[in-house]
Amino acid sequence: MKKYLFPIIVAIAFASCTKETPEQRAALMLRDARYALHHHLYNEARDTIFSLRRNCPTAIEARRQAILLLDSIEMNAAADSLKLVTGEEWERLDVKRQFFERKLQEDIKKQK
């Protein structure tokens, strides 16, 4: 009996240490999305946010932050695209950038 007790205790301790809450998982995903945004990996950042929304539906605070982060991703992606285009395409992307900039400001006001 004693020889089984120690492995059972170790297994229980290990299982309890590895269980993450939805908020913890979502916080890690937000960190990854911010990292991708910082390195101009916009598709990866978007995919991470969408994955967070799909896999952590109860992580409310993280989902609120993800909304703001997604707006920042879109705004930065549009701003970077502006550097590569001219004419009507530039105007379209500039309107998109301005939209996300205004939306981000409104979302920040609502969070306060």
PDB file of N, CA and C in Angstrom:
ATOM      1  N   MET A   1       0.820  -1.197   0.000  1.00  0.00           N
ATOM      2  CA  MET A   1       0.000   0.000   0.000  1.00  0.00           C
ATOM      3  C   MET A   1       0.863   1.260   0.000  1.00  0.00           C
ATOM      4  N   LYS A   2       1.926   1.282   0.811  1.00  0.00           N
ATOM      5  CA  LYS A   2       2.781   2.466   0.892  1.00  0.00           C
ATOM      6  C   LYS A   2       3.485   2.744  -0.432  1.00  0.00           C
ATOM      7  N   LYS A   3       3.833   1.684  -1.164  1.00  0.00           N
ATOM      8  CA  LYS A   3       4.558   1.923  -2.407  1.00  0.00           C
ATOM      9  C   LYS A   3       3.678   2.580  -3.472  1.00  0.00           C
ATOM     10  N   TYR A   4       2.374   2.484  -3.335  1.00  0.00           N
ATOM     11  CA  TYR A   4       1.459   3.138  -4.269  1.00  0.00           C
ATOM     12  C   TYR A   4       1.079   4.545  -3.834  1.00  0.00           C
ATOM     13  N   LEU A   5       1.236   4.840  -2.568  1.00  0.00           N
ATOM     14  CA  LEU A   5       0.814   6.130  -2.034  1.00  0.00           C
ATOM     15  C   LEU A   5       1.632   7.285  -2.614  1.00  0.00           C
ATOM     16  N   PHE A   6       2.954   7.129  -2.649  1.00  0.00           N
ATOM     17  CA  PHE A   6       3.814   8.211  -3.140  1.00  0.00           C
ATOM     18  C   PHE A   6       3.533   8.543  -4.611  1.00  0.00           C
ATOM     19  N   PRO A   7       3.467   7.557  -5.514  1.00  0.00           N
ATOM     20  CA  PRO A   7       3.162   7.900  -6.909  1.00  0.00           C
ATOM     21  C   PRO A   7       1.789   8.551  -7.085  1.00  0.00           C
ATOM     22  N   ILE A   8       0.822   8.154  -6.288  1.00  0.00           N
ATOM     23  CA  ILE A   8      -0.510   8.750  -6.369  1.00  0.00           C
ATOM     24  C   ILE A   8      -0.454  10.211  -5.929  1.00  0.00           C
ATOM     25  N   ILE A   9       0.265  10.497  -4.856  1.00  0.00           N
ATOM     26  CA  ILE A   9       0.402  11.876  -4.372  1.00  0.00           C
ATOM     27  C   ILE A   9       1.114  12.729  -5.412  1.00  0.00           C
ATOM     28  N   VAL A  10       2.166  12.183  -6.013  1.00  0.00           N
ATOM     29  CA  VAL A  10       2.904  12.922  -7.042  1.00  0.00           C
ATOM     30  C   VAL A  10       1.996  13.192  -8.243  1.00  0.00           C
ATOM     31  N   ALA A  11       1.216  12.211  -8.652  1.00  0.00           N
ATOM     32  CA  ALA A  11       0.315  12.392  -9.791  1.00  0.00           C
ATOM     33  C   ALA A  11      -0.747  13.446  -9.499  1.00  0.00           C
ATOM     34  N   ILE A  12      -1.293  13.435  -8.303  1.00  0.00           N
ATOM     35  CA  ILE A  12      -2.302  14.435  -7.923  1.00  0.00           C
ATOM     36  C   ILE A  12      -1.683  15.828  -7.889  1.00  0.00           C
ATOM     37  N   ALA A  13      -0.495  15.933  -7.321  1.00  0.00           N
ATOM     38  CA  ALA A  13       0.184  17.232  -7.254  1.00  0.00           C
ATOM     39  C   ALA A  13       0.485  17.749  -8.658  1.00  0.00           C
ATOM     40  N   PHE A  14       0.946  16.869  -9.526  1.00  0.00           N
ATOM     41  CA  PHE A  14       1.252  17.272 -10.895  1.00  0.00           C
ATOM     42  C   PHE A  14      -0.007  17.725 -11.630  1.00  0.00           C
ATOM     43  N   ALA A  15      -1.073  16.987 -11.472  1.00  0.00           N
ATOM     44  CA  ALA A  15      -2.334  17.331 -12.140  1.00  0.00           C
ATOM     45  C   ALA A  15      -2.876  18.663 -11.652  1.00  0.00           C
ATOM     46  N   SER A  16      -2.752  18.933 -10.365  1.00  0.00           N
ATOM     47  CA  SER A  16      -3.273  20.188  -9.837  1.00  0.00           C
ATOM     48  C   SER A  16      -2.429  21.379 -10.264  1.00  0.00           C
ATOM     49  N   CYS A  17      -1.152  21.174 -10.522  1.00  0.00           N
ATOM     50  CA  CYS A  17      -0.275  22.268 -10.933  1.00  0.00           C
ATOM     51  C   CYS A  17      -0.455  22.631 -12.404  1.00  0.00           C
ATOM     52  N   THR A  18      -0.843  21.689 -13.220  1.00  0.00           N
ATOM     53  CA  THR A  18      -0.914  21.944 -14.657  1.00  0.00           C
ATOM     54  C   THR A  18      -2.274  22.451 -15.116  1.00  0.00           C
ATOM     55  N   LYS A  19      -3.269  22.419 -14.267  1.00  0.00           N
ATOM     56  CA  LYS A  19      -4.605  22.853 -14.675  1.00  0.00           C
ATOM     57  C   LYS A  19      -4.659  24.384 -14.693  1.00  0.00           C
ATOM     58  N   GLU A  20      -4.921  24.927 -15.867  1.00  0.00           N
ATOM     59  CA  GLU A  20      -5.017  26.374 -16.028  1.00  0.00           C
ATOM     60  C   GLU A  20      -6.486  26.776 -16.095  1.00  0.00           C
ATOM     61  N   THR A  21      -6.758  27.937 -15.574  1.00  0.00           N
ATOM     62  CA  THR A  21      -8.106  28.481 -15.706  1.00  0.00           C
ATOM     63  C   THR A  21      -8.260  29.053 -17.117  1.00  0.00           C
ATOM     64  N   PRO A  22      -9.484  29.263 -17.574  1.00  0.00           N
ATOM     65  CA  PRO A  22      -9.673  29.891 -18.883  1.00  0.00           C
ATOM     66  C   PRO A  22      -9.007  31.271 -18.968  1.00  0.00           C
ATOM     67  N   GLU A  23      -9.058  32.033 -17.879  1.00  0.00           N
ATOM     68  CA  GLU A  23      -8.405  33.358 -17.877  1.00  0.00           C
ATOM     69  C   GLU A  23      -6.894  33.231 -18.048  1.00  0.00           C
ATOM     70  N   GLN A  24      -6.293  32.231 -17.411  1.00  0.00           N
ATOM     71  CA  GLN A  24      -4.847  32.037 -17.541  1.00  0.00           C
ATOM     72  C   GLN A  24      -4.476  31.639 -18.963  1.00  0.00           C
ATOM     73  N   ARG A  25      -5.245  30.709 -19.540  1.00  0.00           N
ATOM     74  CA  ARG A  25      -4.992  30.305 -20.931  1.00  0.00           C
ATOM     75  C   ARG A  25      -5.166  31.491 -21.869  1.00  0.00           C
ATOM     76  N   ALA A  26      -6.221  32.266 -21.634  1.00  0.00           N
ATOM     77  CA  ALA A  26      -6.494  33.430 -22.482  1.00  0.00           C
ATOM     78  C   ALA A  26      -5.397  34.481 -22.338  1.00  0.00           C
ATOM     79  N   ALA A  27      -4.888  34.666 -21.121  1.00  0.00           N
ATOM     80  CA  ALA A  27      -3.801  35.636 -20.906  1.00  0.00           C
ATOM     81  C   ALA A  27      -2.556  35.235 -21.697  1.00  0.00           C
ATOM     82  N   LEU A  28      -2.266  33.955 -21.745  1.00  0.00           N
ATOM     83  CA  LEU A  28      -1.122  33.487 -22.532  1.00  0.00           C
ATOM     84  C   LEU A  28      -1.353  33.725 -24.025  1.00  0.00           C
ATOM     85  N   MET A  29      -2.584  33.514 -24.452  1.00  0.00           N
ATOM     86  CA  MET A  29      -2.892  33.749 -25.862  1.00  0.00           C
ATOM     87  C   MET A  29      -2.810  35.232 -26.201  1.00  0.00           C
ATOM     88  N   LEU A  30      -3.262  36.089 -25.295  1.00  0.00           N
ATOM     89  CA  LEU A  30      -3.124  37.533 -25.503  1.00  0.00           C
ATOM     90  C   LEU A  30      -1.657  37.920 -25.609  1.00  0.00           C
ATOM     91  N   ARG A  31      -0.836  37.336 -24.744  1.00  0.00           N
ATOM     92  CA  ARG A  31       0.602  37.618 -24.794  1.00  0.00           C
ATOM     93  C   ARG A  31       1.171  37.230 -26.152  1.00  0.00           C
ATOM     94  N   ASP A  32       0.774  36.061 -26.649  1.00  0.00           N
ATOM     95  CA  ASP A  32       1.256  35.609 -27.954  1.00  0.00           C
ATOM     96  C   ASP A  32       0.783  36.531 -29.071  1.00  0.00           C
ATOM     97  N   ALA A  33      -0.466  36.977 -28.996  1.00  0.00           N
ATOM     98  CA  ALA A  33      -1.000  37.884 -30.021  1.00  0.00           C
ATOM     99  C   ALA A  33      -0.267  39.228 -29.989  1.00  0.00           C
ATOM    100  N   ARG A  34       0.012  39.726 -28.792  1.00  0.00           N
ATOM    101  CA  ARG A  34       0.759  40.996 -28.679  1.00  0.00           C
ATOM    102  C   ARG A  34       2.170  40.851 -29.249  1.00  0.00           C
ATOM    103  N   TYR A  35       2.793  39.716 -28.991  1.00  0.00           N
ATOM    104  CA  TYR A  35       4.124  39.453 -29.529  1.00  0.00           C
ATOM    105  C   TYR A  35       4.070  39.463 -31.061  1.00  0.00           C
ATOM    106  N   ALA A  36       3.077  38.774 -31.621  1.00  0.00           N
ATOM    107  CA  ALA A  36       2.937  38.729 -33.075  1.00  0.00           C
ATOM    108  C   ALA A  36       2.691  40.129 -33.640  1.00  0.00           C
ATOM    109  N   LEU A  37       1.845  40.908 -32.978  1.00  0.00           N
ATOM    110  CA  LEU A  37       1.594  42.282 -33.420  1.00  0.00           C
ATOM    111  C   LEU A  37       2.881  43.101 -33.391  1.00  0.00           C
ATOM    112  N   HIS A  38       3.629  42.978 -32.331  1.00  0.00           N
ATOM    113  CA  HIS A  38       4.887  43.726 -32.193  1.00  0.00           C
ATOM    114  C   HIS A  38       5.849  43.408 -33.343  1.00  0.00           C
ATOM    115  N   HIS A  39       5.802  42.175 -33.823  1.00  0.00           N
ATOM    116  CA  HIS A  39       6.700  41.748 -34.900  1.00  0.00           C
ATOM    117  C   HIS A  39       6.027  41.782 -36.276  1.00  0.00           C
ATOM    118  N   HIS A  40       4.899  42.505 -36.358  1.00  0.00           N
ATOM    119  CA  HIS A  40       4.186  42.722 -37.628  1.00  0.00           C
ATOM    120  C   HIS A  40       3.711  41.415 -38.262  1.00  0.00           C
ATOM    121  N   LEU A  41       3.375  40.431 -37.443  1.00  0.00           N
ATOM    122  CA  LEU A  41       2.829  39.158 -37.918  1.00  0.00           C
ATOM    123  C   LEU A  41       1.305  39.218 -37.730  1.00  0.00           C
ATOM    124  N   TYR A  42       0.660  40.001 -38.566  1.00  0.00           N
ATOM    125  CA  TYR A  42      -0.747  40.334 -38.359  1.00  0.00           C
ATOM    126  C   TYR A  42      -1.677  39.128 -38.489  1.00  0.00           C
ATOM    127  N   ASN A  43      -1.437  38.273 -39.460  1.00  0.00           N
ATOM    128  CA  ASN A  43      -2.301  37.092 -39.607  1.00  0.00           C
ATOM    129  C   ASN A  43      -2.186  36.171 -38.394  1.00  0.00           C
ATOM    130  N   GLU A  44      -0.968  35.984 -37.917  1.00  0.00           N
ATOM    131  CA  GLU A  44      -0.772  35.152 -36.727  1.00  0.00           C
ATOM    132  C   GLU A  44      -1.459  35.777 -35.512  1.00  0.00           C
ATOM    133  N   ALA A  45      -1.345  37.088 -35.378  1.00  0.00           N
ATOM    134  CA  ALA A  45      -1.985  37.779 -34.257  1.00  0.00           C
ATOM    135  C   ALA A  45      -3.503  37.634 -34.329  1.00  0.00           C
ATOM    136  N   ARG A  46      -4.079  37.811 -35.526  1.00  0.00           N
ATOM    137  CA  ARG A  46      -5.530  37.643 -35.704  1.00  0.00           C
ATOM    138  C   ARG A  46      -5.962  36.219 -35.365  1.00  0.00           C
ATOM    139  N   ASP A  47      -5.220  35.254 -35.888  1.00  0.00           N
ATOM    140  CA  ASP A  47      -5.563  33.850 -35.644  1.00  0.00           C
ATOM    141  C   ASP A  47      -5.536  33.527 -34.154  1.00  0.00           C
ATOM    142  N   THR A  48      -4.588  34.098 -33.443  1.00  0.00           N
ATOM    143  CA  THR A  48      -4.490  33.862 -32.004  1.00  0.00           C
ATOM    144  C   THR A  48      -5.699  34.440 -31.285  1.00  0.00           C
ATOM    145  N   ILE A  49      -6.117  35.638 -31.676  1.00  0.00           N
ATOM    146  CA  ILE A  49      -7.301  36.259 -31.074  1.00  0.00           C
ATOM    147  C   ILE A  49      -8.550  35.426 -31.367  1.00  0.00           C
ATOM    148  N   PHE A  50      -8.695  34.977 -32.607  1.00  0.00           N
ATOM    149  CA  PHE A  50      -9.864  34.160 -32.955  1.00  0.00           C
ATOM    150  C   PHE A  50      -9.860  32.841 -32.193  1.00  0.00           C
ATOM    151  N   SER A  51      -8.687  32.277 -32.004  1.00  0.00           N
ATOM    152  CA  SER A  51      -8.563  31.041 -31.227  1.00  0.00           C
ATOM    153  C   SER A  51      -8.945  31.283 -29.765  1.00  0.00           C
ATOM    154  N   LEU A  52      -8.523  32.409 -29.223  1.00  0.00           N
ATOM    155  CA  LEU A  52      -8.892  32.774 -27.845  1.00  0.00           C
ATOM    156  C   LEU A  52     -10.410  32.852 -27.722  1.00  0.00           C
ATOM    157  N   ARG A  53     -11.040  33.516 -28.660  1.00  0.00           N
ATOM    158  CA  ARG A  53     -12.500  33.678 -28.605  1.00  0.00           C
ATOM    159  C   ARG A  53     -13.220  32.342 -28.703  1.00  0.00           C
ATOM    160  N   ARG A  54     -12.664  31.438 -29.504  1.00  0.00           N
ATOM    161  CA  ARG A  54     -13.280  30.132 -29.703  1.00  0.00           C
ATOM    162  C   ARG A  54     -13.030  29.196 -28.511  1.00  0.00           C
ATOM    163  N   ASN A  55     -11.825  29.219 -27.955  1.00  0.00           N
ATOM    164  CA  ASN A  55     -11.424  28.243 -26.934  1.00  0.00           C
ATOM    165  C   ASN A  55     -11.595  28.711 -25.494  1.00  0.00           C
ATOM    166  N   CYS A  56     -11.776  29.997 -25.271  1.00  0.00           N
ATOM    167  CA  CYS A  56     -11.910  30.520 -23.907  1.00  0.00           C
ATOM    168  C   CYS A  56     -13.147  31.416 -23.799  1.00  0.00           C
ATOM    169  N   PRO A  57     -14.337  30.863 -24.019  1.00  0.00           N
ATOM    170  CA  PRO A  57     -15.545  31.699 -24.026  1.00  0.00           C
ATOM    171  C   PRO A  57     -15.878  32.306 -22.668  1.00  0.00           C
ATOM    172  N   THR A  58     -15.368  31.743 -21.586  1.00  0.00           N
ATOM    173  CA  THR A  58     -15.695  32.272 -20.256  1.00  0.00           C
ATOM    174  C   THR A  58     -14.646  33.247 -19.730  1.00  0.00           C
ATOM    175  N   ALA A  59     -13.598  33.488 -20.480  1.00  0.00           N
ATOM    176  CA  ALA A  59     -12.542  34.416 -20.053  1.00  0.00           C
ATOM    177  C   ALA A  59     -12.951  35.833 -20.467  1.00  0.00           C
ATOM    178  N   ILE A  60     -13.880  36.393 -19.738  1.00  0.00           N
ATOM    179  CA  ILE A  60     -14.520  37.657 -20.130  1.00  0.00           C
ATOM    180  C   ILE A  60     -13.527  38.814 -20.211  1.00  0.00           C
ATOM    181  N   GLU A  61     -12.719  38.999 -19.204  1.00  0.00           N
ATOM    182  CA  GLU A  61     -11.776  40.124 -19.205  1.00  0.00           C
ATOM    183  C   GLU A  61     -10.774  39.999 -20.359  1.00  0.00           C
ATOM    184  N   ALA A  62     -10.281  38.817 -20.580  1.00  0.00           N
ATOM    185  CA  ALA A  62      -9.336  38.607 -21.685  1.00  0.00           C
ATOM    186  C   ALA A  62     -10.016  38.868 -23.030  1.00  0.00           C
ATOM    187  N   ARG A  63     -11.276  38.488 -23.140  1.00  0.00           N
ATOM    188  CA  ARG A  63     -12.004  38.735 -24.382  1.00  0.00           C
ATOM    189  C   ARG A  63     -12.207  40.234 -24.615  1.00  0.00           C
ATOM    190  N   ARG A  64     -12.407  40.988 -23.544  1.00  0.00           N
ATOM    191  CA  ARG A  64     -12.516  42.457 -23.684  1.00  0.00           C
ATOM    192  C   ARG A  64     -11.196  43.025 -24.197  1.00  0.00           C
ATOM    193  N   GLN A  65     -10.105  42.568 -23.612  1.00  0.00           N
ATOM    194  CA  GLN A  65      -8.790  43.028 -24.056  1.00  0.00           C
ATOM    195  C   GLN A  65      -8.525  42.604 -25.494  1.00  0.00           C
ATOM    196  N   ALA A  66      -9.019  41.439 -25.863  1.00  0.00           N
ATOM    197  CA  ALA A  66      -8.816  40.932 -27.223  1.00  0.00           C
ATOM    198  C   ALA A  66      -9.504  41.814 -28.255  1.00  0.00           C
ATOM    199  N   ILE A  67     -10.647  42.384 -27.897  1.00  0.00           N
ATOM    200  CA  ILE A  67     -11.345  43.299 -28.815  1.00  0.00           C
ATOM    201  C   ILE A  67     -10.457  44.496 -29.126  1.00  0.00           C
ATOM    202  N   LEU A  68      -9.883  45.079 -28.091  1.00  0.00           N
ATOM    203  CA  LEU A  68      -8.992  46.224 -28.292  1.00  0.00           C
ATOM    204  C   LEU A  68      -7.753  45.821 -29.086  1.00  0.00           C
ATOM    205  N   LEU A  69      -7.213  44.665 -28.763  1.00  0.00           N
ATOM    206  CA  LEU A  69      -6.021  44.206 -29.452  1.00  0.00           C
ATOM    207  C   LEU A  69      -6.302  43.937 -30.928  1.00  0.00           C
ATOM    208  N   LEU A  70      -7.459  43.374 -31.221  1.00  0.00           N
ATOM    209  CA  LEU A  70      -7.811  43.113 -32.614  1.00  0.00           C
ATOM    210  C   LEU A  70      -7.947  44.422 -33.391  1.00  0.00           C
ATOM    211  N   ASP A  71      -8.499  45.444 -32.758  1.00  0.00           N
ATOM    212  CA  ASP A  71      -8.567  46.758 -33.409  1.00  0.00           C
ATOM    213  C   ASP A  71      -7.159  47.295 -33.678  1.00  0.00           C
ATOM    214  N   SER A  72      -6.263  47.116 -32.731  1.00  0.00           N
ATOM    215  CA  SER A  72      -4.877  47.564 -32.922  1.00  0.00           C
ATOM    216  C   SER A  72      -4.202  46.792 -34.052  1.00  0.00           C
ATOM    217  N   ILE A  73      -4.475  45.504 -34.124  1.00  0.00           N
ATOM    218  CA  ILE A  73      -3.912  44.682 -35.197  1.00  0.00           C
ATOM    219  C   ILE A  73      -4.384  45.203 -36.548  1.00  0.00           C
ATOM    220  N   GLU A  74      -5.691  45.438 -36.672  1.00  0.00           N
ATOM    221  CA  GLU A  74      -6.243  45.914 -37.945  1.00  0.00           C
ATOM    222  C   GLU A  74      -5.697  47.290 -38.303  1.00  0.00           C
ATOM    223  N   MET A  75      -5.601  48.161 -37.311  1.00  0.00           N
ATOM    224  CA  MET A  75      -5.101  49.511 -37.558  1.00  0.00           C
ATOM    225  C   MET A  75      -3.639  49.473 -38.020  1.00  0.00           C
ATOM    226  N   ASN A  76      -2.824  48.684 -37.356  1.00  0.00           N
ATOM    227  CA  ASN A  76      -1.418  48.597 -37.731  1.00  0.00           C
ATOM    228  C   ASN A  76      -1.227  47.912 -39.074  1.00  0.00           C
ATOM    229  N   ALA A  77      -2.031  46.910 -39.355  1.00  0.00           N
ATOM    230  CA  ALA A  77      -1.945  46.230 -40.651  1.00  0.00           C
ATOM    231  C   ALA A  77      -2.286  47.201 -41.779  1.00  0.00           C
ATOM    232  N   ALA A  78      -3.332  47.994 -41.575  1.00  0.00           N
ATOM    233  CA  ALA A  78      -3.708  48.984 -42.597  1.00  0.00           C
ATOM    234  C   ALA A  78      -2.617  50.042 -42.747  1.00  0.00           C
ATOM    235  N   ALA A  79      -2.046  50.487 -41.636  1.00  0.00           N
ATOM    236  CA  ALA A  79      -0.985  51.502 -41.704  1.00  0.00           C
ATOM    237  C   ALA A  79       0.238  50.962 -42.440  1.00  0.00           C
ATOM    238  N   ASP A  80       0.602  49.711 -42.174  1.00  0.00           N
ATOM    239  CA  ASP A  80       1.740  49.125 -42.883  1.00  0.00           C
ATOM    240  C   ASP A  80       1.445  48.962 -44.369  1.00  0.00           C
ATOM    241  N   SER A  81       0.215  48.614 -44.704  1.00  0.00           N
ATOM    242  CA  SER A  81      -0.161  48.449 -46.110  1.00  0.00           C
ATOM    243  C   SER A  81      -0.113  49.778 -46.848  1.00  0.00           C
ATOM    244  N   LEU A  82      -0.361  50.875 -46.139  1.00  0.00           N
ATOM    245  CA  LEU A  82      -0.328  52.200 -46.768  1.00  0.00           C
ATOM    246  C   LEU A  82       1.047  52.513 -47.343  1.00  0.00           C
ATOM    247  N   LYS A  83       2.075  51.937 -46.747  1.00  0.00           N
ATOM    248  CA  LYS A  83       3.447  52.198 -47.207  1.00  0.00           C
ATOM    249  C   LYS A  83       3.717  51.573 -48.573  1.00  0.00           C
ATOM    250  N   LEU A  84       2.891  50.612 -48.959  1.00  0.00           N
ATOM    251  CA  LEU A  84       3.167  49.840 -50.170  1.00  0.00           C
ATOM    252  C   LEU A  84       2.296  50.201 -51.360  1.00  0.00           C
ATOM    253  N   VAL A  85       1.285  51.045 -51.166  1.00  0.00           N
ATOM    254  CA  VAL A  85       0.330  51.304 -52.247  1.00  0.00           C
ATOM    255  C   VAL A  85       0.222  52.798 -52.542  1.00  0.00           C
ATOM    256  N   THR A  86      -0.455  53.078 -53.660  1.00  0.00           N
ATOM    257  CA  THR A  86      -0.702  54.477 -54.044  1.00  0.00           C
ATOM    258  C   THR A  86      -2.116  54.587 -54.598  1.00  0.00           C
ATOM    259  N   GLY A  87      -2.535  55.809 -54.860  1.00  0.00           N
ATOM    260  CA  GLY A  87      -3.805  56.064 -55.532  1.00  0.00           C
ATOM    261  C   GLY A  87      -5.022  55.663 -54.727  1.00  0.00           C
ATOM    262  N   GLU A  88      -6.009  55.080 -55.415  1.00  0.00           N
ATOM    263  CA  GLU A  88      -7.274  54.723 -54.781  1.00  0.00           C
ATOM    264  C   GLU A  88      -7.092  53.680 -53.684  1.00  0.00           C
ATOM    265  N   GLU A  89      -6.174  52.748 -53.894  1.00  0.00           N
ATOM    266  CA  GLU A  89      -5.928  51.723 -52.879  1.00  0.00           C
ATOM    267  C   GLU A  89      -5.403  52.370 -51.593  1.00  0.00           C
ATOM    268  N   TRP A  90      -4.554  53.388 -51.728  1.00  0.00           N
ATOM    269  CA  TRP A  90      -4.040  54.097 -50.552  1.00  0.00           C
ATOM    270  C   TRP A  90      -5.189  54.770 -49.809  1.00  0.00           C
ATOM    271  N   GLU A  91      -6.077  55.417 -50.544  1.00  0.00           N
ATOM    272  CA  GLU A  91      -7.212  56.100 -49.925  1.00  0.00           C
ATOM    273  C   GLU A  91      -8.111  55.111 -49.176  1.00  0.00           C
ATOM    274  N   ARG A  92      -8.370  53.946 -49.794  1.00  0.00           N
ATOM    275  CA  ARG A  92      -9.208  52.928 -49.156  1.00  0.00           C
ATOM    276  C   ARG A  92      -8.565  52.434 -47.858  1.00  0.00           C
ATOM    277  N   LEU A  93      -7.282  52.163 -47.898  1.00  0.00           N
ATOM    278  CA  LEU A  93      -6.594  51.676 -46.699  1.00  0.00           C
ATOM    279  C   LEU A  93      -6.481  52.756 -45.626  1.00  0.00           C
ATOM    280  N   ASP A  94      -6.350  54.008 -46.052  1.00  0.00           N
ATOM    281  CA  ASP A  94      -6.279  55.092 -45.072  1.00  0.00           C
ATOM    282  C   ASP A  94      -7.619  55.252 -44.361  1.00  0.00           C
ATOM    283  N   VAL A  95      -8.715  55.110 -45.086  1.00  0.00           N
ATOM    284  CA  VAL A  95     -10.043  55.163 -44.467  1.00  0.00           C
ATOM    285  C   VAL A  95     -10.189  54.019 -43.469  1.00  0.00           C
ATOM    286  N   LYS A  96      -9.736  52.839 -43.847  1.00  0.00           N
ATOM    287  CA  LYS A  96      -9.796  51.682 -42.954  1.00  0.00           C
ATOM    288  C   LYS A  96      -8.972  51.934 -41.696  1.00  0.00           C
ATOM    289  N   ARG A  97      -7.770  52.486 -41.846  1.00  0.00           N
ATOM    290  CA  ARG A  97      -6.915  52.788 -40.696  1.00  0.00           C
ATOM    291  C   ARG A  97      -7.586  53.796 -39.775  1.00  0.00           C
ATOM    292  N   GLN A  98      -8.169  54.842 -40.357  1.00  0.00           N
ATOM    293  CA  GLN A  98      -8.839  55.863 -39.560  1.00  0.00           C
ATOM    294  C   GLN A  98     -10.033  55.275 -38.807  1.00  0.00           C
ATOM    295  N   PHE A  99     -10.774  54.392 -39.482  1.00  0.00           N
ATOM    296  CA  PHE A  99     -11.917  53.744 -38.833  1.00  0.00           C
ATOM    297  C   PHE A  99     -11.468  52.976 -37.597  1.00  0.00           C
ATOM    298  N   PHE A 100     -10.447  52.143 -37.732  1.00  0.00           N
ATOM    299  CA  PHE A 100      -9.997  51.341 -36.596  1.00  0.00           C
ATOM    300  C   PHE A 100      -9.365  52.202 -35.507  1.00  0.00           C
ATOM    301  N   GLU A 101      -8.759  53.298 -35.897  1.00  0.00           N
ATOM    302  CA  GLU A 101      -8.197  54.215 -34.901  1.00  0.00           C
ATOM    303  C   GLU A 101      -9.315  54.831 -34.059  1.00  0.00           C
ATOM    304  N   ARG A 102     -10.390  55.291 -34.727  1.00  0.00           N
ATOM    305  CA  ARG A 102     -11.528  55.854 -34.003  1.00  0.00           C
ATOM    306  C   ARG A 102     -12.220  54.796 -33.157  1.00  0.00           C
ATOM    307  N   LYS A 103     -12.400  53.605 -33.715  1.00  0.00           N
ATOM    308  CA  LYS A 103     -13.040  52.517 -32.979  1.00  0.00           C
ATOM    309  C   LYS A 103     -12.234  52.142 -31.740  1.00  0.00           C
ATOM    310  N   LEU A 104     -10.940  52.092 -31.875  1.00  0.00           N
ATOM    311  CA  LEU A 104     -10.077  51.784 -30.734  1.00  0.00           C
ATOM    312  C   LEU A 104     -10.232  52.837 -29.645  1.00  0.00           C
ATOM    313  N   GLN A 105     -10.276  54.101 -30.019  1.00  0.00           N
ATOM    314  CA  GLN A 105     -10.451  55.169 -29.034  1.00  0.00           C
ATOM    315  C   GLN A 105     -11.794  55.047 -28.325  1.00  0.00           C
ATOM    316  N   GLU A 106     -12.850  54.740 -29.072  1.00  0.00           N
ATOM    317  CA  GLU A 106     -14.181  54.562 -28.456  1.00  0.00           C
ATOM    318  C   GLU A 106     -14.199  53.370 -27.519  1.00  0.00           C
ATOM    319  N   ASP A 107     -13.578  52.269 -27.935  1.00  0.00           N
ATOM    320  CA  ASP A 107     -13.538  51.079 -27.070  1.00  0.00           C
ATOM    321  C   ASP A 107     -12.767  51.351 -25.787  1.00  0.00           C
ATOM    322  N   ILE A 108     -11.718  52.115 -25.881  1.00  0.00           N
ATOM    323  CA  ILE A 108     -10.922  52.462 -24.689  1.00  0.00           C
ATOM    324  C   ILE A 108     -11.767  53.315 -23.752  1.00  0.00           C
ATOM    325  N   LYS A 109     -12.539  54.258 -24.299  1.00  0.00           N
ATOM    326  CA  LYS A 109     -13.412  55.088 -23.460  1.00  0.00           C
ATOM    327  C   LYS A 109     -14.447  54.229 -22.727  1.00  0.00           C
ATOM    328  N   LYS A 110     -15.014  53.252 -23.431  1.00  0.00           N
ATOM    329  CA  LYS A 110     -16.027  52.382 -22.826  1.00  0.00           C
ATOM    330  C   LYS A 110     -15.453  51.516 -21.716  1.00  0.00           C
ATOM    331  N   GLN A 111     -14.187  51.164 -21.824  1.00  0.00           N
ATOM    332  CA  GLN A 111     -13.543  50.310 -20.819  1.00  0.00           C
ATOM    333  C   GLN A 111     -13.291  51.053 -19.510  1.00  0.00           C
ATOM    334  N   LYS A 112     -13.211  52.367 -19.576  1.00  0.00           N
ATOM    335  CA  LYS A 112     -12.890  53.152 -18.362  1.00  0.00           C
ATOM    336  C   LYS A 112     -14.059  53.251 -17.449  1.00  0.00           C
TER     337      LYS A 112
END
